[in-house]
C-alpha atoms as a PDB file:
ATOM      1  CA  MET A   1       0.000   0.000   0.000  1.00  0.00           C
ATOM      2  CA  THR A   2       1.273   3.453  -0.852  1.00  0.00           C
ATOM      3  CA  GLU A   3       1.519   6.098   1.798  1.00  0.00           C
ATOM      4  CA  PRO A   4      -1.293   8.664   2.035  1.00  0.00           C
ATOM      5  CA  THR A   5      -0.515  12.132   0.771  1.00  0.00           C
ATOM      6  CA  CYS A   6      -2.258  15.318   1.735  1.00  0.00           C
ATOM      7  CA  SER A   7      -4.369  14.980  -1.383  1.00  0.00           C
ATOM      8  CA  ASP A   8      -6.237  12.029   0.162  1.00  0.00           C
ATOM      9  CA  ARG A   9      -7.734  11.267   3.542  1.00  0.00           C
ATOM     10  CA  ARG A  10      -6.458   7.746   4.283  1.00  0.00           C
ATOM     11  CA  PHE A  11      -5.698   7.277   7.969  1.00  0.00           C
ATOM     12  CA  PRO A  12      -2.054   6.299   8.608  1.00  0.00           C
ATOM     13  CA  PRO A  13      -1.511   2.943  10.378  1.00  0.00           C
ATOM     14  CA  ALA A  14       0.504   4.676  13.111  1.00  0.00           C
ATOM     15  CA  LEU A  15      -2.479   6.874  14.019  1.00  0.00           C
ATOM     16  CA  ALA A  16      -4.784   3.845  13.900  1.00  0.00           C
ATOM     17  CA  ASP A  17      -2.536   2.235  16.538  1.00  0.00           C
ATOM     18  CA  VAL A  18      -2.534   5.449  18.607  1.00  0.00           C
ATOM     19  CA  ALA A  19      -6.355   5.419  18.474  1.00  0.00           C
ATOM     20  CA  ARG A  20      -6.338   2.091  20.318  1.00  0.00           C
ATOM     21  CA  VAL A  21      -4.422   3.591  23.264  1.00  0.00           C
ATOM     22  CA  GLU A  22      -6.373   4.774  26.282  1.00  0.00           C
ATOM     23  CA  PHE A  23      -4.699   7.908  27.585  1.00  0.00           C
ATOM     24  CA  ASP A  24      -4.838   8.470  31.342  1.00  0.00           C
ATOM     25  CA  TYR A  25      -5.606  12.059  32.299  1.00  0.00           C
ATOM     26  CA  GLY A  26      -4.402  11.366  35.838  1.00  0.00           C
ATOM     27  CA  GLU A  27      -4.805  13.436  38.964  1.00  0.00           C
ATOM     28  CA  GLU A  28      -4.611  17.227  38.724  1.00  0.00           C
ATOM     29  CA  GLY A  29      -3.704  17.163  35.034  1.00  0.00           C
ATOM     30  CA  GLU A  30      -0.511  15.175  35.469  1.00  0.00           C
ATOM     31  CA  GLY A  31      -1.509  12.717  32.747  1.00  0.00           C
ATOM     32  CA  VAL A  32      -2.272  13.270  29.073  1.00  0.00           C
ATOM     33  CA  ASP A  33      -5.476  15.023  27.987  1.00  0.00           C
ATOM     34  CA  PHE A  34      -5.883  13.376  24.586  1.00  0.00           C
ATOM     35  CA  GLU A  35      -8.693  11.444  22.946  1.00  0.00           C
ATOM     36  CA  PRO A  36      -7.442  10.095  19.606  1.00  0.00           C
ATOM     37  CA  TYR A  37      -9.864   9.328  16.782  1.00  0.00           C
ATOM     38  CA  ASP A  38      -9.848   6.197  14.637  1.00  0.00           C
ATOM     39  CA  ALA A  39     -10.302   8.219  11.421  1.00  0.00           C
ATOM     40  CA  PHE A  40      -9.784  11.783  10.261  1.00  0.00           C
ATOM     41  CA  ASP A  41     -12.697  14.167  10.628  1.00  0.00           C
ATOM     42  CA  SER A  42     -14.382  14.696   7.271  1.00  0.00           C
ATOM     43  CA  ALA A  43     -13.332  17.626   5.099  1.00  0.00           C
ATOM     44  CA  GLU A  44     -16.729  19.219   5.769  1.00  0.00           C
ATOM     45  CA  GLU A  45     -16.412  18.873   9.556  1.00  0.00           C
ATOM     46  CA  THR A  46     -12.900  20.294   9.471  1.00  0.00           C
ATOM     47  CA  THR A  47     -13.934  23.270   7.350  1.00  0.00           C
ATOM     48  CA  GLU A  48     -16.925  24.000   9.600  1.00  0.00           C
ATOM     49  CA  TRP A  49     -14.747  23.783  12.704  1.00  0.00           C
ATOM     50  CA  LEU A  50     -12.017  26.047  11.241  1.00  0.00           C
ATOM     51  CA  ARG A  51     -14.582  28.630  10.179  1.00  0.00           C
ATOM     52  CA  ASN A  52     -16.101  28.657  13.667  1.00  0.00           C
ATOM     53  CA  TRP A  53     -12.677  28.712  15.343  1.00  0.00           C
ATOM     54  CA  THR A  54     -11.497  31.705  13.297  1.00  0.00           C
ATOM     55  CA  GLY A  55     -14.809  33.465  12.698  1.00  0.00           C
ATOM     56  CA  ASN A  56     -13.769  33.538   9.039  1.00  0.00           C
ATOM     57  CA  HIS A  57     -16.479  31.841   6.987  1.00  0.00           C
ATOM     58  CA  GLU A  58     -14.498  32.046   3.753  1.00  0.00           C
ATOM     59  CA  LEU A  59     -11.872  29.515   4.863  1.00  0.00           C
ATOM     60  CA  ASP A  60     -11.507  25.938   3.694  1.00  0.00           C
ATOM     61  CA  GLY A  61     -10.084  23.424   6.201  1.00  0.00           C
ATOM     62  CA  GLY A  62      -8.444  21.348   3.470  1.00  0.00           C
ATOM     63  CA  VAL A  63      -4.929  21.740   4.842  1.00  0.00           C
ATOM     64  CA  TYR A  64      -5.833  20.043   8.150  1.00  0.00           C
ATOM     65  CA  ARG A  65      -6.468  16.388   8.984  1.00  0.00           C
ATOM     66  CA  VAL A  66      -8.021  16.360  12.464  1.00  0.00           C
ATOM     67  CA  PHE A  67      -7.275  13.138  14.353  1.00  0.00           C
ATOM     68  CA  GLY A  68      -8.022  13.791  18.027  1.00  0.00           C
ATOM     69  CA  GLN A  69      -9.098  16.199  20.718  1.00  0.00           C
ATOM     70  CA  ASP A  70      -8.542  17.140  24.313  1.00  0.00           C
ATOM     71  CA  GLY A  71     -11.263  17.204  26.973  1.00  0.00           C
ATOM     72  CA  THR A  72     -12.282  20.780  26.181  1.00  0.00           C
ATOM     73  CA  GLY A  73     -12.630  20.206  22.438  1.00  0.00           C
ATOM     74  CA  GLY A  74      -9.227  21.484  21.345  1.00  0.00           C
ATOM     75  CA  LEU A  75      -8.116  19.585  18.252  1.00  0.00           C
ATOM     76  CA  ALA A  76      -4.971  17.750  17.175  1.00  0.00           C
ATOM     77  CA  ALA A  77      -4.342  17.786  13.443  1.00  0.00           C
ATOM     78  CA  ILE A  78      -1.856  17.079  10.757  1.00  0.00           C
ATOM     79  CA  TRP A  79      -1.213  20.357   8.955  1.00  0.00           C
ATOM     80  CA  CYS A  80      -0.457  19.915   5.262  1.00  0.00           C
ATOM     81  CA  ALA A  81       2.178  22.632   5.181  1.00  0.00           C
ATOM     82  CA  ARG A  82       4.657  20.855   2.901  1.00  0.00           C
ATOM     83  CA  PRO A  83       3.149  20.641  -0.606  1.00  0.00           C
ATOM     84  CA  GLY A  84       3.571  17.328  -2.390  1.00  0.00           C
ATOM     85  CA  ARG A  85       4.876  15.488   0.651  1.00  0.00           C
ATOM     86  CA  PRO A  86       3.113  12.544   2.314  1.00  0.00           C
ATOM     87  CA  ILE A  87       1.045  12.907   5.470  1.00  0.00           C
ATOM     88  CA  SER A  88       3.796  11.294   7.537  1.00  0.00           C
ATOM     89  CA  GLU A  89       6.109  14.225   6.665  1.00  0.00           C
ATOM     90  CA  GLN A  90       3.648  16.960   7.631  1.00  0.00           C
ATOM     91  CA  PRO A  91       3.716  18.790  10.984  1.00  0.00           C
ATOM     92  CA  VAL A  92       1.335  17.972  13.821  1.00  0.00           C
ATOM     93  CA  VAL A  93      -0.410  20.957  15.416  1.00  0.00           C
ATOM     94  CA  PHE A  94      -2.846  21.684  18.228  1.00  0.00           C
ATOM     95  CA  MET A  95      -5.651  24.258  18.151  1.00  0.00           C
ATOM     96  CA  GLY A  96      -7.319  24.746  21.505  1.00  0.00           C
ATOM     97  CA  SER A  97     -10.935  25.474  22.285  1.00  0.00           C
ATOM     98  CA  GLU A  98     -10.078  28.947  23.607  1.00  0.00           C
ATOM     99  CA  GLY A  99      -7.975  30.080  20.634  1.00  0.00           C
ATOM    100  CA  GLU A 100      -4.618  28.852  21.862  1.00  0.00           C
ATOM    101  CA  CYS A 101      -2.501  26.939  19.348  1.00  0.00           C
ATOM    102  CA  GLY A 102       0.936  25.561  18.699  1.00  0.00           C
ATOM    103  CA  VAL A 103       3.114  23.190  16.756  1.00  0.00           C
ATOM    104  CA  VAL A 104       3.574  19.773  18.377  1.00  0.00           C
ATOM    105  CA  ALA A 105       6.019  17.940  16.088  1.00  0.00           C
ATOM    106  CA  ALA A 106       7.539  18.397  12.634  1.00  0.00           C
ATOM    107  CA  ASN A 107       6.175  15.072  11.380  1.00  0.00           C
ATOM    108  CA  LEU A 108       4.122  12.057  12.384  1.00  0.00           C
ATOM    109  CA  SER A 109       7.149   9.990  13.382  1.00  0.00           C
ATOM    110  CA  ASP A 110       8.369  12.661  15.812  1.00  0.00           C
ATOM    111  CA  PHE A 111       4.828  12.954  17.166  1.00  0.00           C
ATOM    112  CA  LEU A 112       4.994   9.294  18.189  1.00  0.00           C
ATOM    113  CA  TRP A 113       8.170   9.986  20.192  1.00  0.00           C
ATOM    114  CA  VAL A 114       6.437  12.975  21.831  1.00  0.00           C
ATOM    115  CA  LEU A 115       3.605  10.667  22.934  1.00  0.00           C
ATOM    116  CA  ALA A 116       6.156   8.137  24.215  1.00  0.00           C
ATOM    117  CA  ASP A 117       7.560  10.856  26.499  1.00  0.00           C
ATOM    118  CA  GLY A 118       4.123  11.432  28.031  1.00  0.00           C
ATOM    119  CA  PHE A 119       3.037  14.537  26.114  1.00  0.00           C
ATOM    120  CA  GLY A 120      -0.300  14.799  24.367  1.00  0.00           C
ATOM    121  CA  PRO A 121      -0.809  17.408  21.640  1.00  0.00           C
ATOM    122  CA  MET A 122      -2.097  20.057  24.065  1.00  0.00           C
ATOM    123  CA  GLU A 123       0.701  19.499  26.582  1.00  0.00           C
ATOM    124  CA  ALA A 124       3.344  19.582  23.843  1.00  0.00           C
ATOM    125  CA  ALA A 125       2.032  22.764  22.254  1.00  0.00           C
ATOM    126  CA  LEU A 126       1.241  24.738  25.389  1.00  0.00           C
ATOM    127  CA  ASP A 127       3.059  23.445  28.494  1.00  0.00           C
ATOM    128  CA  LYS A 128       6.664  24.691  28.306  1.00  0.00           C
ATOM    129  CA  GLU A 129       7.411  23.505  31.858  1.00  0.00           C
ATOM    130  CA  ARG A 130       6.118  19.947  31.517  1.00  0.00           C
ATOM    131  CA  GLU A 131       8.581  17.185  32.296  1.00  0.00           C
ATOM    132  CA  ALA A 132       8.759  13.933  30.376  1.00  0.00           C
ATOM    133  CA  ARG A 133       6.773  10.976  31.728  1.00  0.00           C
ATOM    134  CA  HIS A 134       7.982   7.959  29.779  1.00  0.00           C
ATOM    135  CA  ASP A 135       5.223   5.598  28.625  1.00  0.00           C
ATOM    136  CA  ALA A 136       6.513   2.112  27.749  1.00  0.00           C
ATOM    137  CA  ALA A 137       3.497   1.110  25.651  1.00  0.00           C
ATOM    138  CA  LEU A 138       3.686   4.278  23.552  1.00  0.00           C
ATOM    139  CA  ALA A 139       7.463   3.879  23.243  1.00  0.00           C
ATOM    140  CA  ASN A 140       6.866   0.397  21.804  1.00  0.00           C
ATOM    141  CA  LEU A 141       4.304   1.852  19.389  1.00  0.00           C
ATOM    142  CA  ALA A 142       6.809   4.529  18.324  1.00  0.00           C
ATOM    143  CA  GLU A 143       9.539   1.928  17.836  1.00  0.00           C
ATOM    144  CA  ARG A 144       7.226  -0.002  15.481  1.00  0.00           C
ATOM    145  CA  HIS A 145       6.203   2.990  13.355  1.00  0.00           C
ATOM    146  CA  ALA A 146       8.755   5.787  13.707  1.00  0.00           C
ATOM    147  CA  THR A 147      11.180   6.531  10.913  1.00  0.00           C
ATOM    148  CA  THR A 148      13.049   9.235  12.822  1.00  0.00           C
ATOM    149  CA  PRO A 149      15.482   8.529  15.648  1.00  0.00           C
ATOM    150  CA  ARG A 150      14.294   8.748  19.220  1.00  0.00           C
ATOM    151  CA  ARG A 151      14.909  12.130  20.787  1.00  0.00           C
ATOM    152  CA  SER A 152      13.434  13.814  23.815  1.00  0.00           C
ATOM    153  CA  ALA A 153       9.986  15.320  23.460  1.00  0.00           C
ATOM    154  CA  ARG A 154      11.315  18.733  24.466  1.00  0.00           C
ATOM    155  CA  GLU A 155      13.952  18.591  21.690  1.00  0.00           C
ATOM    156  CA  ILE A 156      11.370  17.508  19.091  1.00  0.00           C
ATOM    157  CA  ILE A 157       8.854  20.159  20.147  1.00  0.00           C
ATOM    158  CA  THR A 158      11.444  22.956  20.200  1.00  0.00           C
ATOM    159  CA  GLU A 159      12.774  22.025  16.741  1.00  0.00           C
ATOM    160  CA  ALA A 160       9.256  21.905  15.280  1.00  0.00           C
ATOM    161  CA  GLN A 161       8.215  25.184  16.871  1.00  0.00           C
ATOM    162  CA  ASP A 162      11.376  26.835  15.555  1.00  0.00           C
ATOM    163  CA  GLU A 163      10.779  25.462  12.050  1.00  0.00           C
ATOM    164  CA  PHE A 164       7.154  26.651  11.996  1.00  0.00           C
ATOM    165  CA  ALA A 165       7.637  29.748  14.138  1.00  0.00           C
ATOM    166  CA  THR A 166       4.876  31.761  12.441  1.00  0.00           C
ATOM    167  CA  PHE A 167       2.115  29.136  12.804  1.00  0.00           C
ATOM    168  CA  ALA A 168       0.205  30.952  15.578  1.00  0.00           C
ATOM    169  CA  ASP A 169       0.626  34.377  13.952  1.00  0.00           C
ATOM    170  CA  ASP A 170      -0.509  33.010  10.588  1.00  0.00           C
ATOM    171  CA  LEU A 171      -3.636  31.548  12.214  1.00  0.00           C
ATOM    172  CA  ASP A 172      -4.309  34.819  14.037  1.00  0.00           C
ATOM    173  CA  GLU A 173      -4.284  36.641  10.692  1.00  0.00           C
ATOM    174  CA  LEU A 174      -7.099  34.363   9.475  1.00  0.00           C
ATOM    175  CA  CYS A 175      -9.328  35.297  12.413  1.00  0.00           C
ATOM    176  CA  ARG A 176     -12.125  37.800  12.017  1.00  0.00           C
END
């Protein structure tokens, strides 16, 4: 089977495996606030959500593949920011229910390592002080699917946020 590109909506096997994981929120937010989906939201759902999130009803959500949420309704998505490249090479982003947003990882493989260090999309994008909380089951999942070398979540997140430094500002410009 060929790898999905951003021109289609096939769900990557790595995300299908993540969808089978039950994330533990823990006491006082010490766990991971992430509810993965077993398929991408439809293009229509994504467009409707992006229009509501930005207040800009002219937008098309076609550059996002939403694959999970946090408990407040903030969404995790693959952002098709690299034209012509497969989904696995696109950055993972988080867009919170209250307008907060951030880059989580530069690609799907790195996202798996972020999960293995105990960061969900919201925690990775927004919690600069969070410490790693190694998860053996997610590390095994990452070892099966990842094509990038294991690095710390903080290193992965910092590199991705540096590479896509204007993500939040670019989204803000779309808001009405």
